[in-house]
Amino acid sequence: MRKISIRDLEAGSKFTKSLYLDKDTVFVGADQPITQQDLDRLVQFGITFILTDGEKVNADQNDKSSNSSGPGYFDTNLPFYQDDENSTRYKYLLEKTNTSKVEFNAVFKDCFDLVQKTYKSASEGRYTEIREFREIAERIADHTKTNAQIPILLLSHSHSGYYLYTHICYATFFSVMLGNFLEFSRPKLIDLALASLFADIGMVTVPEEVSEKKGNLTELDLKTIKRHPVTGYQILTQRLKLKNSLAIVALQHHEAVDGSGYPQRILANQIEELTKVFMIADQFAAMIHPRPYRAAILPYEAMKIMISENVNRFDLKMVRLFLNKLSMFPVGSGVVLSDLRMGMVIESNKDKPLRPVVRVTKDADGKRLKHLEFVDLMKDLNLYIQQAIPFSQIY
């Protein structure tokens, strides 16, 4: 990576790849604008240069991406294919997503920055104040509770950075989203967010050559990894003085309701409610993002795994609620229709989860549409979803 002087940076500029403070610490993600607050932080901490493998996005490219033609942007400045009441409503859903995206990105970035800073400090034996985490937990809880677009934002969002830090942020958002489906009160949602943010802190004691291993794990590797719930619980209760009702999530999040989990092999009635919520979110978030030893699993496939292969691990009522709310093809999923057109699920049909509303983005030849077109598979019974595809392929 090459060095760039902070004197050459300006607010609003973007780079094609992430900017780093050092080889492990992401400062700003790829295609994310640098804010004046970011620049002030560099000066405050005496940092004179950053690192990147990317190139600066020029003004024309910047305008183009902000007007949205890349992944994660839901362009609506196109004429309707069919101008009717339903199309107008679907367009409104996309516009609300665009509006929500700015705040979501800001909350996610601040969450990542705090998790990265705290987990790295913990790996060096230094610990932070709980107060900072409570503030971000409140923001996540409030943003999720008031934002119906959270599923589509989460599934279309991409964030570069060390896997552990990005995973815990995604898992926290999915956890709070499920807590909201369960109609948790605001204080309980904040507690859930706080517990989720700390759930994997024990992983900082696992050597990177084990946690990031691409090959098969040895028996010793597995023993090392399986110690992290206990280690995390000890860090939270002894070092950070987090109350036991929240720290217990770190200890229990790899348990299973049928008693097959670890470290204590406890049964469903011994697993705390907040843990049961986080277990589902943790598993789903882990599957839909890539790891060194495997590619990301599509949301549709992840759903199938959770309700078939892994169903005995989770609270059945919670898994069913999670599935029913997100649907088999969650809002934000990329799909190929039976006529070979591609698109994105923008609304689910609760009674028929395999027949959602799809915003078509490419024709059968793979060419990008120049109009807004929507298909409600509950009405157009001649069409069906042929397969799920990565979100990146639909634009």
Foldseek 3Di string as FASTA:
>chain_A
DDKDFLVPDDFQKFWQAFKALDPAHTLGGHLGTHHPVSSVVCVVVVHGIIDDPTDIDDPVSNVVPLCPDAFLQQHDPFAAPDDDDVLVVLSVLNVLSNVLLVLVVVLLVLQLNVLVVALVCVLVVHHDALVSLLVSLLVLLVSLLVRPCLQQNLQRDDGDHDPVSNLLSQLLSQLLNLVVLVVPDSVVSSLLSSLSSLQQSLCSPQDCCLQQPQDDHDPVSVVSNLCSLVSSLCCCCPPRVPDPLSSVLSNPLQEFQCQPGDDVSDHDVVDDPSNLSSNVSSQLSVQQCDGSHGHHDFSLVSLVCCVPVVVRRHDNVSNVSSCLSQASQGFNWWFAKPQRFIFTFHAADNVDSQFGKTFTQAHNVLHGDRHTYIDGCVPVVVMGTPGTDRSRSRD
